[in-house]
Amino acid sequence: MYTPPRQRTRIVPPDPITVAIEDDHGLPLGYGVIANISETGACVWTDGALAPGARLALRVSFARPAEVHEVAAIVVWSDEETEPEGRRRRRYGLQWYDASSSCVLRVRHLAGHAEGGHTPPMGTPAPVSA
């Protein structure tokens, strides 16, 4: 099966990025930890059950410097595994459909550090592409 190359680089965060997850009506669904993130989405580990195609409202919390960004996403895939202790772990692929330019800039900043390259200072505006 052919899988096209990714258009955006995925970054494994050097510091934990947590996320509060709500449905599109503001009802809490759970909390999670971001396993990897890109300008277009993220992989999230959570104990919450999320349905493929569900629209979500997220509060993404970055550390150092501490920032919280509100992002809207849709669940595009899910996976579940059972740990040796019998506890189930769920992970979900989320695609942003409304991410602030400041959140995308923060991800670009992480990517620059991960690649050892130059990134603009945190307050520098940058064009956002979908």
N, C-alpha and C. Protein backbone atom coordinates (compact mmCIF):
# COMPACT_ATOMS: atom_id res chain seq x y z
N MET A 1 0.85 -1.19 0.00
CA MET A 1 0.00 0.00 0.00
C MET A 1 0.88 1.24 0.00
N TYR A 2 0.62 2.18 -0.88
CA TYR A 2 1.40 3.41 -0.99
C TYR A 2 0.88 4.43 0.01
N THR A 3 1.79 5.00 0.77
CA THR A 3 1.45 6.08 1.69
C THR A 3 2.22 7.32 1.24
N PRO A 4 1.52 8.39 0.88
CA PRO A 4 2.23 9.59 0.42
C PRO A 4 3.07 10.18 1.54
N PRO A 5 4.16 10.88 1.21
CA PRO A 5 5.00 11.47 2.25
C PRO A 5 4.23 12.54 3.01
N ARG A 6 4.61 12.71 4.29
CA ARG A 6 3.97 13.72 5.12
C ARG A 6 4.35 15.11 4.62
N GLN A 7 3.38 16.00 4.70
CA GLN A 7 3.64 17.36 4.25
C GLN A 7 4.20 18.23 5.37
N ARG A 8 4.02 17.83 6.60
CA ARG A 8 4.52 18.59 7.75
C ARG A 8 5.33 17.66 8.64
N THR A 9 6.38 18.20 9.23
CA THR A 9 7.24 17.44 10.12
C THR A 9 6.54 17.23 11.46
N ARG A 10 6.59 15.99 11.95
CA ARG A 10 6.07 15.70 13.29
C ARG A 10 7.19 15.91 14.29
N ILE A 11 6.87 16.51 15.43
CA ILE A 11 7.85 16.78 16.47
C ILE A 11 7.44 16.03 17.73
N VAL A 12 8.38 15.29 18.30
CA VAL A 12 8.16 14.69 19.62
C VAL A 12 8.59 15.77 20.61
N PRO A 13 7.67 16.28 21.41
CA PRO A 13 7.99 17.41 22.28
C PRO A 13 9.07 17.07 23.32
N PRO A 14 10.03 17.99 23.52
CA PRO A 14 11.05 17.77 24.54
C PRO A 14 10.49 17.90 25.95
N ASP A 15 9.43 18.68 26.10
CA ASP A 15 8.73 18.85 27.38
C ASP A 15 7.29 18.41 27.17
N PRO A 16 6.64 17.88 28.22
CA PRO A 16 5.25 17.44 28.05
C PRO A 16 4.33 18.55 27.56
N ILE A 17 3.46 18.18 26.65
CA ILE A 17 2.38 19.06 26.19
C ILE A 17 1.09 18.35 26.57
N THR A 18 0.31 18.98 27.43
CA THR A 18 -0.94 18.38 27.85
C THR A 18 -2.10 19.04 27.11
N VAL A 19 -3.23 18.35 27.12
CA VAL A 19 -4.39 18.86 26.40
C VAL A 19 -5.66 18.51 27.17
N ALA A 20 -6.52 19.51 27.34
CA ALA A 20 -7.86 19.29 27.87
C ALA A 20 -8.78 19.14 26.66
N ILE A 21 -9.59 18.10 26.68
CA ILE A 21 -10.41 17.75 25.51
C ILE A 21 -11.88 17.92 25.84
N GLU A 22 -12.58 18.68 24.98
CA GLU A 22 -14.02 18.87 25.11
C GLU A 22 -14.67 18.56 23.77
N ASP A 23 -15.97 18.23 23.82
CA ASP A 23 -16.67 18.07 22.55
C ASP A 23 -16.98 19.45 21.99
N ASP A 24 -17.59 19.51 20.82
CA ASP A 24 -17.84 20.82 20.20
C ASP A 24 -18.94 21.62 20.89
N HIS A 25 -19.54 21.05 21.95
CA HIS A 25 -20.53 21.77 22.75
C HIS A 25 -19.94 22.21 24.09
N GLY A 26 -18.66 21.95 24.31
CA GLY A 26 -18.01 22.35 25.55
C GLY A 26 -18.09 21.35 26.68
N LEU A 27 -18.59 20.14 26.42
CA LEU A 27 -18.66 19.12 27.46
C LEU A 27 -17.30 18.41 27.57
N PRO A 28 -16.75 18.30 28.79
CA PRO A 28 -15.44 17.68 28.94
C PRO A 28 -15.45 16.20 28.59
N LEU A 29 -14.41 15.78 27.85
CA LEU A 29 -14.26 14.38 27.45
C LEU A 29 -13.04 13.74 28.10
N GLY A 30 -12.10 14.55 28.56
CA GLY A 30 -10.91 14.00 29.20
C GLY A 30 -9.71 14.89 29.05
N TYR A 31 -8.60 14.34 29.51
CA TYR A 31 -7.30 15.00 29.41
C TYR A 31 -6.36 14.05 28.71
N GLY A 32 -5.33 14.61 28.08
CA GLY A 32 -4.39 13.78 27.38
C GLY A 32 -3.00 14.39 27.34
N VAL A 33 -2.10 13.63 26.76
CA VAL A 33 -0.72 14.05 26.55
C VAL A 33 -0.42 13.91 25.07
N ILE A 34 0.22 14.92 24.50
CA ILE A 34 0.55 14.89 23.09
C ILE A 34 1.84 14.10 22.88
N ALA A 35 1.76 13.04 22.07
CA ALA A 35 2.91 12.20 21.77
C ALA A 35 3.78 12.83 20.69
N ASN A 36 3.13 13.41 19.67
CA ASN A 36 3.85 14.17 18.65
C ASN A 36 2.89 15.20 18.08
N ILE A 37 3.47 16.25 17.51
CA ILE A 37 2.66 17.38 17.06
C ILE A 37 3.26 17.93 15.77
N SER A 38 2.41 18.53 14.95
CA SER A 38 2.87 19.21 13.74
C SER A 38 2.00 20.45 13.55
N GLU A 39 2.27 21.17 12.49
CA GLU A 39 1.48 22.37 12.21
C GLU A 39 0.04 22.02 11.86
N THR A 40 -0.22 20.78 11.47
CA THR A 40 -1.55 20.41 11.01
C THR A 40 -2.31 19.48 11.94
N GLY A 41 -1.65 19.00 13.03
CA GLY A 41 -2.36 18.10 13.93
C GLY A 41 -1.45 17.51 14.99
N ALA A 42 -1.96 16.48 15.66
CA ALA A 42 -1.21 15.86 16.76
C ALA A 42 -1.69 14.43 16.98
N CYS A 43 -0.82 13.66 17.63
CA CYS A 43 -1.17 12.34 18.14
C CYS A 43 -1.31 12.49 19.65
N VAL A 44 -2.45 12.10 20.19
CA VAL A 44 -2.75 12.31 21.60
C VAL A 44 -3.04 10.99 22.29
N TRP A 45 -2.39 10.76 23.45
CA TRP A 45 -2.70 9.64 24.33
C TRP A 45 -3.72 10.13 25.34
N THR A 46 -4.81 9.39 25.53
CA THR A 46 -5.83 9.76 26.52
C THR A 46 -6.60 8.51 26.95
N ASP A 47 -7.17 8.57 28.14
CA ASP A 47 -8.05 7.50 28.59
C ASP A 47 -9.47 7.74 28.09
N GLY A 48 -9.75 8.93 27.58
CA GLY A 48 -11.07 9.26 27.07
C GLY A 48 -11.37 8.52 25.78
N ALA A 49 -12.63 8.27 25.52
CA ALA A 49 -13.06 7.62 24.28
C ALA A 49 -13.52 8.70 23.30
N LEU A 50 -12.84 8.77 22.15
CA LEU A 50 -13.16 9.76 21.13
C LEU A 50 -13.57 9.03 19.86
N ALA A 51 -14.66 9.46 19.27
CA ALA A 51 -15.17 8.81 18.07
C ALA A 51 -14.51 9.38 16.82
N PRO A 52 -14.11 8.52 15.88
CA PRO A 52 -13.58 9.03 14.61
C PRO A 52 -14.58 9.99 13.96
N GLY A 53 -14.08 11.10 13.47
CA GLY A 53 -14.94 12.13 12.87
C GLY A 53 -15.46 13.15 13.86
N ALA A 54 -15.27 12.91 15.16
CA ALA A 54 -15.75 13.85 16.17
C ALA A 54 -15.00 15.17 16.08
N ARG A 55 -15.73 16.25 16.26
CA ARG A 55 -15.13 17.59 16.31
C ARG A 55 -14.88 17.93 17.77
N LEU A 56 -13.68 18.42 18.06
CA LEU A 56 -13.27 18.67 19.43
C LEU A 56 -12.80 20.10 19.63
N ALA A 57 -12.93 20.56 20.86
CA ALA A 57 -12.32 21.82 21.30
C ALA A 57 -11.22 21.44 22.28
N LEU A 58 -10.02 21.92 22.04
CA LEU A 58 -8.86 21.55 22.85
C LEU A 58 -8.23 22.78 23.49
N ARG A 59 -7.69 22.58 24.68
CA ARG A 59 -6.82 23.57 25.30
C ARG A 59 -5.45 22.92 25.39
N VAL A 60 -4.55 23.33 24.51
CA VAL A 60 -3.22 22.75 24.42
C VAL A 60 -2.29 23.57 25.31
N SER A 61 -1.66 22.90 26.29
CA SER A 61 -0.81 23.58 27.27
C SER A 61 0.66 23.23 27.04
N PHE A 62 1.40 24.22 26.57
CA PHE A 62 2.84 24.08 26.38
C PHE A 62 3.56 24.49 27.66
N ALA A 63 4.76 23.92 27.87
CA ALA A 63 5.59 24.30 29.01
C ALA A 63 6.79 25.09 28.50
N ARG A 64 7.39 25.86 29.35
CA ARG A 64 8.65 26.59 29.12
C ARG A 64 8.73 27.31 27.80
N PRO A 65 8.22 28.45 27.60
CA PRO A 65 7.38 29.20 28.51
C PRO A 65 5.95 28.65 28.49
N ALA A 66 5.30 28.78 29.61
CA ALA A 66 3.93 28.27 29.75
C ALA A 66 2.98 29.08 28.87
N GLU A 67 2.24 28.36 28.04
CA GLU A 67 1.23 28.97 27.16
C GLU A 67 0.10 27.98 26.97
N VAL A 68 -1.12 28.50 26.89
CA VAL A 68 -2.28 27.67 26.57
C VAL A 68 -2.90 28.21 25.30
N HIS A 69 -3.17 27.31 24.35
CA HIS A 69 -3.78 27.69 23.07
C HIS A 69 -5.06 26.91 22.88
N GLU A 70 -6.09 27.59 22.41
CA GLU A 70 -7.35 26.93 22.09
C GLU A 70 -7.31 26.54 20.62
N VAL A 71 -7.64 25.27 20.37
CA VAL A 71 -7.55 24.71 19.02
C VAL A 71 -8.79 23.86 18.77
N ALA A 72 -9.31 23.92 17.56
CA ALA A 72 -10.40 23.03 17.17
C ALA A 72 -9.81 21.94 16.28
N ALA A 73 -10.25 20.69 16.51
CA ALA A 73 -9.69 19.56 15.77
C ALA A 73 -10.77 18.53 15.47
N ILE A 74 -10.44 17.65 14.55
CA ILE A 74 -11.31 16.52 14.23
C ILE A 74 -10.49 15.24 14.42
N VAL A 75 -11.14 14.19 14.92
CA VAL A 75 -10.48 12.90 15.11
C VAL A 75 -10.41 12.20 13.76
N VAL A 76 -9.19 11.90 13.29
CA VAL A 76 -9.05 11.27 11.98
C VAL A 76 -8.67 9.79 12.07
N TRP A 77 -8.10 9.34 13.19
CA TRP A 77 -7.82 7.92 13.36
C TRP A 77 -7.71 7.62 14.85
N SER A 78 -7.83 6.34 15.18
CA SER A 78 -7.68 5.91 16.58
C SER A 78 -6.99 4.56 16.62
N ASP A 79 -6.39 4.28 17.77
CA ASP A 79 -5.67 3.04 17.98
C ASP A 79 -5.74 2.73 19.47
N GLU A 80 -5.75 1.46 19.83
CA GLU A 80 -5.82 1.07 21.23
C GLU A 80 -4.88 -0.09 21.46
N GLU A 81 -4.22 -0.07 22.62
CA GLU A 81 -3.37 -1.20 22.99
C GLU A 81 -3.59 -1.51 24.46
N THR A 82 -3.29 -2.73 24.83
CA THR A 82 -3.43 -3.14 26.21
C THR A 82 -2.04 -3.29 26.82
N GLU A 83 -1.82 -2.61 27.94
CA GLU A 83 -0.55 -2.70 28.64
C GLU A 83 -0.45 -4.04 29.34
N PRO A 84 0.76 -4.46 29.73
CA PRO A 84 0.93 -5.75 30.42
C PRO A 84 0.05 -5.88 31.68
N GLU A 85 -0.23 -4.74 32.34
CA GLU A 85 -1.07 -4.77 33.54
C GLU A 85 -2.55 -4.92 33.21
N GLY A 86 -2.89 -4.91 31.93
CA GLY A 86 -4.28 -5.07 31.51
C GLY A 86 -5.00 -3.75 31.27
N ARG A 87 -4.36 -2.62 31.56
CA ARG A 87 -4.99 -1.32 31.34
C ARG A 87 -4.92 -0.95 29.86
N ARG A 88 -6.01 -0.42 29.33
CA ARG A 88 -6.06 -0.02 27.92
C ARG A 88 -5.54 1.41 27.76
N ARG A 89 -4.76 1.61 26.71
CA ARG A 89 -4.28 2.95 26.36
C ARG A 89 -4.80 3.27 24.97
N ARG A 90 -5.33 4.45 24.83
CA ARG A 90 -5.86 4.87 23.54
C ARG A 90 -5.04 6.04 23.01
N ARG A 91 -4.83 6.03 21.69
CA ARG A 91 -4.20 7.18 21.07
C ARG A 91 -5.03 7.56 19.85
N TYR A 92 -5.01 8.84 19.55
CA TYR A 92 -5.84 9.38 18.49
C TYR A 92 -5.04 10.33 17.63
N GLY A 93 -5.32 10.30 16.35
CA GLY A 93 -4.77 11.27 15.43
C GLY A 93 -5.77 12.39 15.27
N LEU A 94 -5.34 13.60 15.57
CA LEU A 94 -6.21 14.77 15.47
C LEU A 94 -5.69 15.71 14.39
N GLN A 95 -6.60 16.24 13.60
CA GLN A 95 -6.23 17.21 12.57
C GLN A 95 -6.84 18.55 12.96
N TRP A 96 -6.00 19.59 13.05
CA TRP A 96 -6.51 20.91 13.38
C TRP A 96 -7.40 21.40 12.24
N TYR A 97 -8.51 22.03 12.57
CA TYR A 97 -9.26 22.74 11.53
C TYR A 97 -9.43 24.19 11.90
N ASP A 98 -9.02 24.55 13.11
CA ASP A 98 -8.98 25.95 13.50
C ASP A 98 -7.92 26.10 14.58
N ALA A 99 -6.70 26.38 14.15
CA ALA A 99 -5.59 26.59 15.09
C ALA A 99 -5.12 28.02 14.94
N SER A 100 -4.90 28.68 16.06
CA SER A 100 -4.44 30.06 16.02
C SER A 100 -3.04 30.13 15.42
N SER A 101 -2.73 31.26 14.80
CA SER A 101 -1.39 31.42 14.24
C SER A 101 -0.34 31.37 15.34
N SER A 102 -0.68 31.77 16.56
CA SER A 102 0.29 31.71 17.66
C SER A 102 0.59 30.26 18.05
N CYS A 103 -0.39 29.38 17.95
CA CYS A 103 -0.16 27.96 18.24
C CYS A 103 0.73 27.35 17.16
N VAL A 104 0.45 27.64 15.90
CA VAL A 104 1.26 27.13 14.79
C VAL A 104 2.68 27.67 14.91
N LEU A 105 2.83 28.93 15.29
CA LEU A 105 4.15 29.51 15.48
C LEU A 105 4.91 28.78 16.59
N ARG A 106 4.23 28.42 17.66
CA ARG A 106 4.87 27.69 18.75
C ARG A 106 5.36 26.32 18.26
N VAL A 107 4.56 25.65 17.43
CA VAL A 107 4.97 24.36 16.87
C VAL A 107 6.18 24.55 15.96
N ARG A 108 6.17 25.59 15.14
CA ARG A 108 7.32 25.87 14.28
C ARG A 108 8.58 26.11 15.12
N HIS A 109 8.41 26.80 16.23
CA HIS A 109 9.52 27.06 17.14
C HIS A 109 10.08 25.74 17.68
N LEU A 110 9.19 24.82 18.09
CA LEU A 110 9.62 23.50 18.54
C LEU A 110 10.36 22.75 17.44
N ALA A 111 9.85 22.83 16.22
CA ALA A 111 10.46 22.12 15.09
C ALA A 111 11.86 22.65 14.83
N GLY A 112 12.04 23.95 14.91
CA GLY A 112 13.35 24.54 14.70
C GLY A 112 14.35 24.07 15.72
N HIS A 113 13.92 23.98 16.97
CA HIS A 113 14.80 23.49 18.03
C HIS A 113 15.10 22.01 17.85
N ALA A 114 14.12 21.24 17.43
CA ALA A 114 14.31 19.80 17.24
C ALA A 114 15.31 19.54 16.11
N GLU A 115 15.29 20.37 15.08
CA GLU A 115 16.18 20.20 13.94
C GLU A 115 17.50 20.93 14.13
N GLY A 116 17.61 21.71 15.23
CA GLY A 116 18.83 22.47 15.49
C GLY A 116 18.96 23.69 14.60
N GLY A 117 17.87 24.08 13.97
CA GLY A 117 17.91 25.21 13.06
C GLY A 117 17.48 26.50 13.72
N HIS A 118 17.46 27.55 12.92
CA HIS A 118 17.05 28.86 13.39
C HIS A 118 15.53 28.98 13.31
N THR A 119 14.94 29.53 14.35
CA THR A 119 13.51 29.81 14.33
C THR A 119 13.33 31.27 14.70
N PRO A 120 12.28 31.91 14.19
CA PRO A 120 12.06 33.30 14.55
C PRO A 120 11.73 33.41 16.03
N PRO A 121 11.99 34.57 16.64
CA PRO A 121 11.60 34.76 18.04
C PRO A 121 10.10 34.51 18.21
N MET A 122 9.72 34.13 19.43
CA MET A 122 8.34 33.70 19.69
C MET A 122 7.29 34.72 19.28
N GLY A 123 7.55 36.00 19.32
CA GLY A 123 6.55 37.00 19.00
C GLY A 123 6.50 37.36 17.53
N THR A 124 7.36 36.81 16.71
CA THR A 124 7.45 37.16 15.30
C THR A 124 6.31 36.53 14.51
N PRO A 125 5.50 37.36 13.81
CA PRO A 125 4.41 36.77 13.03
C PRO A 125 4.97 35.95 11.86
N ALA A 126 4.27 34.91 11.53
CA ALA A 126 4.68 34.06 10.42
C ALA A 126 3.43 33.67 9.64
N PRO A 127 3.55 33.49 8.32
CA PRO A 127 2.38 33.07 7.56
C PRO A 127 1.95 31.66 7.97
N VAL A 128 0.67 31.42 7.95
CA VAL A 128 0.13 30.12 8.34
C VAL A 128 -0.46 29.46 7.11
N SER A 129 0.02 28.27 6.80
CA SER A 129 -0.53 27.54 5.67
C SER A 129 -1.29 26.32 6.18
N ALA A 130 -2.33 25.97 5.49
CA ALA A 130 -3.15 24.83 5.91
C ALA A 130 -2.62 23.54 5.37
